[in-house]
PDB file of N, CA and C in Angstrom:
ATOM      1  N   UNK A   1      22.139  -0.953  -4.433  1.00  0.00           N
ATOM      2  CA  UNK A   1      21.709  -0.325  -4.953  1.00  0.00           C
ATOM      3  C   UNK A   1      20.163   0.021  -5.510  1.00  0.00           C
ATOM      4  N   UNK A   2      20.226   1.017  -5.729  1.00  0.00           N
ATOM      5  CA  UNK A   2      18.720   1.676  -5.894  1.00  0.00           C
ATOM      6  C   UNK A   2      17.331   0.204  -7.400  1.00  0.00           C
ATOM      7  N   UNK A   3      16.917   0.029  -7.113  1.00  0.00           N
ATOM      8  CA  UNK A   3      15.960  -0.575  -7.830  1.00  0.00           C
ATOM      9  C   UNK A   3      15.130   0.253  -8.279  1.00  0.00           C
ATOM     10  N   UNK A   4      14.674   0.968  -9.709  1.00  0.00           N
ATOM     11  CA  UNK A   4      13.712   1.523  -9.497  1.00  0.00           C
ATOM     12  C   UNK A   4      12.359   0.353 -10.610  1.00  0.00           C
ATOM     13  N   UNK A   5      11.081   0.623 -10.009  1.00  0.00           N
ATOM     14  CA  UNK A   5      10.056   0.160  -9.895  1.00  0.00           C
ATOM     15  C   UNK A   5       8.911   1.140 -11.039  1.00  0.00           C
ATOM     16  N   UNK A   6       8.074   0.359 -11.813  1.00  0.00           N
ATOM     17  CA  UNK A   6       6.880   0.865 -12.435  1.00  0.00           C
ATOM     18  C   UNK A   6       5.875   0.579 -11.065  1.00  0.00           C
ATOM     19  N   UNK A   7       4.733   1.647 -11.090  1.00  0.00           N
ATOM     20  CA  UNK A   7       3.616   1.516 -10.822  1.00  0.00           C
ATOM     21  C   UNK A   7       2.916   0.258 -10.816  1.00  0.00           C
ATOM     22  N   UNK A   8       2.954   0.159 -12.359  1.00  0.00           N
ATOM     23  CA  UNK A   8       1.684  -1.343 -12.804  1.00  0.00           C
ATOM     24  C   UNK A   8       2.850  -2.503 -11.937  1.00  0.00           C
ATOM     25  N   UNK A   9       3.650  -2.400 -11.350  1.00  0.00           N
ATOM     26  CA  UNK A   9       5.052  -3.572 -11.068  1.00  0.00           C
ATOM     27  C   UNK A   9       4.185  -3.699  -9.905  1.00  0.00           C
ATOM     28  N   UNK A  10       3.956  -2.506  -8.651  1.00  0.00           N
ATOM     29  CA  UNK A  10       3.394  -2.428  -7.580  1.00  0.00           C
ATOM     30  C   UNK A  10       2.298  -2.747  -7.241  1.00  0.00           C
ATOM     31  N   UNK A  11       1.194  -1.983  -7.571  1.00  0.00           N
ATOM     32  CA  UNK A  11      -0.472  -2.486  -8.078  1.00  0.00           C
ATOM     33  C   UNK A  11      -0.288  -3.917  -8.017  1.00  0.00           C
ATOM     34  N   UNK A  12      -1.155  -4.726  -6.939  1.00  0.00           N
ATOM     35  CA  UNK A  12      -1.480  -5.817  -6.630  1.00  0.00           C
ATOM     36  C   UNK A  12      -0.736  -6.500  -5.514  1.00  0.00           C
ATOM     37  N   UNK A  13       0.137  -5.871  -4.942  1.00  0.00           N
ATOM     38  CA  UNK A  13       1.225  -6.874  -4.306  1.00  0.00           C
ATOM     39  C   UNK A  13       0.488  -6.377  -2.919  1.00  0.00           C
ATOM     40  N   UNK A  14       1.320  -7.994  -1.940  1.00  0.00           N
ATOM     41  CA  UNK A  14       0.773  -8.096  -0.944  1.00  0.00           C
ATOM     42  C   UNK A  14       1.130  -7.264  -0.137  1.00  0.00           C
ATOM     43  N   UNK A  15       0.294  -6.209   0.830  1.00  0.00           N
ATOM     44  CA  UNK A  15       0.792  -4.862   2.014  1.00  0.00           C
ATOM     45  C   UNK A  15       1.314  -6.020   3.170  1.00  0.00           C
ATOM     46  N   UNK A  16       2.638  -5.829   4.305  1.00  0.00           N
ATOM     47  CA  UNK A  16       2.430  -6.150   5.254  1.00  0.00           C
ATOM     48  C   UNK A  16       2.943  -5.144   6.310  1.00  0.00           C
ATOM     49  N   UNK A  17       2.262  -4.974   7.337  1.00  0.00           N
ATOM     50  CA  UNK A  17       3.150  -4.364   8.342  1.00  0.00           C
ATOM     51  C   UNK A  17       4.690  -5.256   8.526  1.00  0.00           C
ATOM     52  N   UNK A  18       5.003  -3.837   9.514  1.00  0.00           N
ATOM     53  CA  UNK A  18       7.151  -4.133   9.790  1.00  0.00           C
ATOM     54  C   UNK A  18       6.740  -4.990  10.850  1.00  0.00           C
ATOM     55  N   UNK A  19       5.801  -5.349  11.589  1.00  0.00           N
ATOM     56  CA  UNK A  19       5.532  -6.580  12.628  1.00  0.00           C
ATOM     57  C   UNK A  19       5.074  -8.052  11.552  1.00  0.00           C
ATOM     58  N   UNK A  20       4.920  -8.284  10.858  1.00  0.00           N
ATOM     59  CA  UNK A  20       4.581  -9.300   9.610  1.00  0.00           C
ATOM     60  C   UNK A  20       3.046  -9.326   9.423  1.00  0.00           C
ATOM     61  N   UNK A  21       2.107  -8.569  10.135  1.00  0.00           N
ATOM     62  CA  UNK A  21       0.552  -8.778  10.012  1.00  0.00           C
ATOM     63  C   UNK A  21      -0.106  -8.486   8.418  1.00  0.00           C
ATOM     64  N   UNK A  22      -0.642  -9.451   7.696  1.00  0.00           N
ATOM     65  CA  UNK A  22      -1.184  -9.210   6.461  1.00  0.00           C
ATOM     66  C   UNK A  22      -1.688  -7.886   6.685  1.00  0.00           C
ATOM     67  N   UNK A  23      -1.439  -6.756   5.675  1.00  0.00           N
ATOM     68  CA  UNK A  23      -2.493  -5.498   6.198  1.00  0.00           C
ATOM     69  C   UNK A  23      -3.575  -5.753   4.585  1.00  0.00           C
ATOM     70  N   UNK A  24      -3.470  -5.681   3.669  1.00  0.00           N
ATOM     71  CA  UNK A  24      -4.195  -5.831   2.339  1.00  0.00           C
ATOM     72  C   UNK A  24      -3.280  -5.941   1.323  1.00  0.00           C
ATOM     73  N   UNK A  25      -3.861  -5.263   0.085  1.00  0.00           N
ATOM     74  CA  UNK A  25      -3.118  -5.595  -1.426  1.00  0.00           C
ATOM     75  C   UNK A  25      -3.078  -4.106  -2.182  1.00  0.00           C
ATOM     76  N   UNK A  26      -2.121  -3.675  -2.511  1.00  0.00           N
ATOM     77  CA  UNK A  26      -1.879  -2.270  -3.100  1.00  0.00           C
ATOM     78  C   UNK A  26      -2.889  -1.625  -4.433  1.00  0.00           C
ATOM     79  N   UNK A  27      -3.635  -1.218  -4.031  1.00  0.00           N
ATOM     80  CA  UNK A  27      -4.585  -1.125  -5.357  1.00  0.00           C
ATOM     81  C   UNK A  27      -4.359  -0.076  -6.455  1.00  0.00           C
ATOM     82  N   UNK A  28      -3.746   1.191  -6.028  1.00  0.00           N
ATOM     83  CA  UNK A  28      -3.363   2.219  -6.936  1.00  0.00           C
ATOM     84  C   UNK A  28      -2.189   2.871  -6.098  1.00  0.00           C
ATOM     85  N   UNK A  29      -1.541   4.298  -6.575  1.00  0.00           N
ATOM     86  CA  UNK A  29      -0.925   4.984  -6.049  1.00  0.00           C
ATOM     87  C   UNK A  29      -1.144   6.273  -6.375  1.00  0.00           C
ATOM     88  N   UNK A  30      -1.433   7.551  -5.679  1.00  0.00           N
ATOM     89  CA  UNK A  30      -1.648   8.672  -5.857  1.00  0.00           C
ATOM     90  C   UNK A  30      -0.537   9.663  -6.066  1.00  0.00           C
ATOM     91  N   UNK A  31      -0.654   9.862  -6.809  1.00  0.00           N
ATOM     92  CA  UNK A  31       0.532  11.064  -7.424  1.00  0.00           C
ATOM     93  C   UNK A  31      -0.179  12.305  -7.606  1.00  0.00           C
ATOM     94  N   UNK A  32       0.887  13.218  -7.848  1.00  0.00           N
ATOM     95  CA  UNK A  32       0.606  14.602  -6.614  1.00  0.00           C
ATOM     96  C   UNK A  32       2.371  15.475  -7.507  1.00  0.00           C
ATOM     97  N   UNK A  33       1.892  16.205  -8.388  1.00  0.00           N
ATOM     98  CA  UNK A  33       3.388  16.728  -8.554  1.00  0.00           C
ATOM     99  C   UNK A  33       4.214  15.876  -9.600  1.00  0.00           C
ATOM    100  N   UNK A  34       3.920  14.845 -10.108  1.00  0.00           N
ATOM    101  CA  UNK A  34       5.030  13.791 -10.485  1.00  0.00           C
ATOM    102  C   UNK A  34       5.566  12.946  -9.614  1.00  0.00           C
ATOM    103  N   UNK A  35       5.043  12.996  -8.687  1.00  0.00           N
ATOM    104  CA  UNK A  35       5.531  12.167  -7.349  1.00  0.00           C
ATOM    105  C   UNK A  35       4.760  11.460  -6.389  1.00  0.00           C
ATOM    106  N   UNK A  36       4.929  10.410  -6.333  1.00  0.00           N
ATOM    107  CA  UNK A  36       3.981   9.177  -5.442  1.00  0.00           C
ATOM    108  C   UNK A  36       3.537  10.113  -4.005  1.00  0.00           C
ATOM    109  N   UNK A  37       2.598  10.300  -3.892  1.00  0.00           N
ATOM    110  CA  UNK A  37       1.713  10.898  -2.832  1.00  0.00           C
ATOM    111  C   UNK A  37       1.444   9.918  -1.042  1.00  0.00           C
ATOM    112  N   UNK A  38       0.565   8.889  -1.682  1.00  0.00           N
ATOM    113  CA  UNK A  38       0.357   7.848  -0.869  1.00  0.00           C
ATOM    114  C   UNK A  38       0.112   6.704  -1.781  1.00  0.00           C
ATOM    115  N   UNK A  39      -0.206   5.704  -0.969  1.00  0.00           N
ATOM    116  CA  UNK A  39      -1.031   4.453  -1.536  1.00  0.00           C
ATOM    117  C   UNK A  39      -2.156   4.287  -1.526  1.00  0.00           C
ATOM    118  N   UNK A  40      -3.185   3.836  -2.395  1.00  0.00           N
ATOM    119  CA  UNK A  40      -4.386   3.428  -1.813  1.00  0.00           C
ATOM    120  C   UNK A  40      -4.397   1.921  -1.240  1.00  0.00           C
ATOM    121  N   UNK A  41      -4.705   1.136  -0.474  1.00  0.00           N
ATOM    122  CA  UNK A  41      -4.516   0.038  -0.042  1.00  0.00           C
ATOM    123  C   UNK A  41      -6.080  -0.601  -0.018  1.00  0.00           C
ATOM    124  N   UNK A  42      -6.291  -1.526  -0.376  1.00  0.00           N
ATOM    125  CA  UNK A  42      -7.693  -2.579  -0.040  1.00  0.00           C
ATOM    126  C   UNK A  42      -7.449  -3.534   1.106  1.00  0.00           C
ATOM    127  N   UNK A  43      -8.073  -3.529   2.150  1.00  0.00           N
ATOM    128  CA  UNK A  43      -7.912  -4.031   3.199  1.00  0.00           C
ATOM    129  C   UNK A  43      -8.848  -4.934   2.957  1.00  0.00           C
ATOM    130  N   UNK A  44      -8.336  -6.381   3.359  1.00  0.00           N
ATOM    131  CA  UNK A  44      -9.179  -7.273   3.297  1.00  0.00           C
ATOM    132  C   UNK A  44      -9.529  -8.156   5.123  1.00  0.00           C
ATOM    133  N   UNK A  45     -11.250  -8.214   5.423  1.00  0.00           N
ATOM    134  CA  UNK A  45     -11.209  -8.561   6.601  1.00  0.00           C
ATOM    135  C   UNK A  45     -10.647  -8.036   7.799  1.00  0.00           C
ATOM    136  N   UNK A  46     -10.803  -7.038   7.872  1.00  0.00           N
ATOM    137  CA  UNK A  46     -10.371  -5.909   8.776  1.00  0.00           C
ATOM    138  C   UNK A  46     -11.462  -5.179   9.588  1.00  0.00           C
ATOM    139  N   UNK A  47     -10.823  -4.262  10.987  1.00  0.00           N
ATOM    140  CA  UNK A  47     -11.898  -3.828  11.305  1.00  0.00           C
ATOM    141  C   UNK A  47     -12.400  -2.870  10.551  1.00  0.00           C
ATOM    142  N   UNK A  48     -11.341  -2.214   9.703  1.00  0.00           N
ATOM    143  CA  UNK A  48     -11.797  -1.189   8.258  1.00  0.00           C
ATOM    144  C   UNK A  48     -13.445  -1.224   8.052  1.00  0.00           C
ATOM    145  N   UNK A  49     -13.092  -2.771   7.344  1.00  0.00           N
ATOM    146  CA  UNK A  49     -14.711  -2.883   6.686  1.00  0.00           C
ATOM    147  C   UNK A  49     -15.754  -3.075   7.446  1.00  0.00           C
ATOM    148  N   UNK A  50     -15.830  -3.157   8.710  1.00  0.00           N
ATOM    149  CA  UNK A  50     -16.774  -2.915   9.350  1.00  0.00           C
ATOM    150  C   UNK A  50     -17.242  -1.166  10.165  1.00  0.00           C
ATOM    151  N   UNK A  51     -16.702  -0.522   9.554  1.00  0.00           N
ATOM    152  CA  UNK A  51     -16.540   0.747   9.964  1.00  0.00           C
ATOM    153  C   UNK A  51     -16.684   1.683   9.390  1.00  0.00           C
ATOM    154  N   UNK A  52     -18.443   1.929   9.036  1.00  0.00           N
ATOM    155  CA  UNK A  52     -18.620   2.733   8.116  1.00  0.00           C
ATOM    156  C   UNK A  52     -18.679   2.130   6.363  1.00  0.00           C
ATOM    157  N   UNK A  53     -18.022   1.039   6.657  1.00  0.00           N
ATOM    158  CA  UNK A  53     -18.170   0.435   5.595  1.00  0.00           C
ATOM    159  C   UNK A  53     -16.779   0.637   4.160  1.00  0.00           C
ATOM    160  N   UNK A  54     -15.807   1.047   5.508  1.00  0.00           N
ATOM    161  CA  UNK A  54     -14.445   1.628   4.474  1.00  0.00           C
ATOM    162  C   UNK A  54     -14.082   0.174   4.169  1.00  0.00           C
ATOM    163  N   UNK A  55     -13.797  -0.182   2.680  1.00  0.00           N
ATOM    164  CA  UNK A  55     -12.908  -1.003   1.686  1.00  0.00           C
ATOM    165  C   UNK A  55     -11.388  -1.203   2.034  1.00  0.00           C
ATOM    166  N   UNK A  56     -10.766   0.604   2.753  1.00  0.00           N
ATOM    167  CA  UNK A  56      -9.471   0.806   2.189  1.00  0.00           C
ATOM    168  C   UNK A  56      -8.582   1.957   2.643  1.00  0.00           C
ATOM    169  N   UNK A  57      -7.609   1.917   2.320  1.00  0.00           N
ATOM    170  CA  UNK A  57      -7.398   2.997   3.422  1.00  0.00           C
ATOM    171  C   UNK A  57      -6.182   3.775   2.811  1.00  0.00           C
ATOM    172  N   UNK A  58      -5.539   5.117   2.687  1.00  0.00           N
ATOM    173  CA  UNK A  58      -4.805   5.826   2.213  1.00  0.00           C
ATOM    174  C   UNK A  58      -3.144   5.508   2.838  1.00  0.00           C
ATOM    175  N   UNK A  59      -2.180   5.138   2.761  1.00  0.00           N
ATOM    176  CA  UNK A  59      -1.485   4.953   3.434  1.00  0.00           C
ATOM    177  C   UNK A  59      -0.479   6.024   2.686  1.00  0.00           C
ATOM    178  N   UNK A  60       0.298   7.339   3.188  1.00  0.00           N
ATOM    179  CA  UNK A  60       1.121   8.364   2.951  1.00  0.00           C
ATOM    180  C   UNK A  60       2.652   7.758   2.359  1.00  0.00           C
ATOM    181  N   UNK A  61       3.248   8.179   1.695  1.00  0.00           N
ATOM    182  CA  UNK A  61       4.439   7.398   0.986  1.00  0.00           C
ATOM    183  C   UNK A  61       5.156   7.479   2.431  1.00  0.00           C
ATOM    184  N   UNK A  62       6.020   7.921   3.058  1.00  0.00           N
ATOM    185  CA  UNK A  62       6.444   8.111   3.839  1.00  0.00           C
ATOM    186  C   UNK A  62       6.459   7.040   4.775  1.00  0.00           C
ATOM    187  N   UNK A  63       5.341   6.214   5.272  1.00  0.00           N
ATOM    188  CA  UNK A  63       5.331   5.096   5.977  1.00  0.00           C
ATOM    189  C   UNK A  63       5.474   3.886   4.974  1.00  0.00           C
ATOM    190  N   UNK A  64       6.171   3.744   3.697  1.00  0.00           N
ATOM    191  CA  UNK A  64       6.283   3.167   3.075  1.00  0.00           C
ATOM    192  C   UNK A  64       7.827   2.297   3.646  1.00  0.00           C
ATOM    193  N   UNK A  65       8.097   1.810   4.237  1.00  0.00           N
ATOM    194  CA  UNK A  65       9.560   1.145   4.582  1.00  0.00           C
ATOM    195  C   UNK A  65      10.250   0.128   3.693  1.00  0.00           C
ATOM    196  N   UNK A  66       9.477  -0.523   2.488  1.00  0.00           N
ATOM    197  CA  UNK A  66      10.298  -1.229   1.473  1.00  0.00           C
ATOM    198  C   UNK A  66       9.150  -2.110   0.612  1.00  0.00           C
ATOM    199  N   UNK A  67      10.035  -1.711  -0.151  1.00  0.00           N
ATOM    200  CA  UNK A  67       8.806  -2.469  -2.094  1.00  0.00           C
ATOM    201  C   UNK A  67       9.843  -3.735  -2.428  1.00  0.00           C
ATOM    202  N   UNK A  68       8.933  -4.969  -2.487  1.00  0.00           N
ATOM    203  CA  UNK A  68      10.237  -6.011  -2.606  1.00  0.00           C
ATOM    204  C   UNK A  68       9.223  -6.953  -3.491  1.00  0.00           C
ATOM    205  N   UNK A  69       9.393  -8.092  -3.380  1.00  0.00           N
ATOM    206  CA  UNK A  69       8.331  -9.093  -3.717  1.00  0.00           C
ATOM    207  C   UNK A  69       6.930  -8.935  -3.145  1.00  0.00           C
ATOM    208  N   UNK A  70       7.435  -7.842  -1.581  1.00  0.00           N
ATOM    209  CA  UNK A  70       6.032  -7.541  -0.833  1.00  0.00           C
ATOM    210  C   UNK A  70       5.919  -6.018  -0.671  1.00  0.00           C
ATOM    211  N   UNK A  71       5.218  -5.498   0.240  1.00  0.00           N
ATOM    212  CA  UNK A  71       4.902  -4.002   0.096  1.00  0.00           C
ATOM    213  C   UNK A  71       5.126  -3.892   1.768  1.00  0.00           C
ATOM    214  N   UNK A  72       5.949  -3.493   2.501  1.00  0.00           N
ATOM    215  CA  UNK A  72       6.080  -3.153   3.774  1.00  0.00           C
ATOM    216  C   UNK A  72       5.770  -1.543   4.109  1.00  0.00           C
ATOM    217  N   UNK A  73       4.855  -1.814   5.107  1.00  0.00           N
ATOM    218  CA  UNK A  73       4.693  -0.337   5.745  1.00  0.00           C
ATOM    219  C   UNK A  73       5.202  -0.541   7.608  1.00  0.00           C
TER     220      UNK A  73
END
């Protein structure tokens, strides 16, 4: 059964890769034409923080594998 969640429930969830590595936390959703287009992920202690001062990445919604107690990409 499909469980529908509000975006406000997803913001702040921890993000993990499908191999189990911690990636960051969901910071916000990008919505285009009333559909989720991508997710802004705040990345901590990563190579990205050293490259150009980036603090996060935008993950396209197609890359999301699961949303539950954690966010899996």
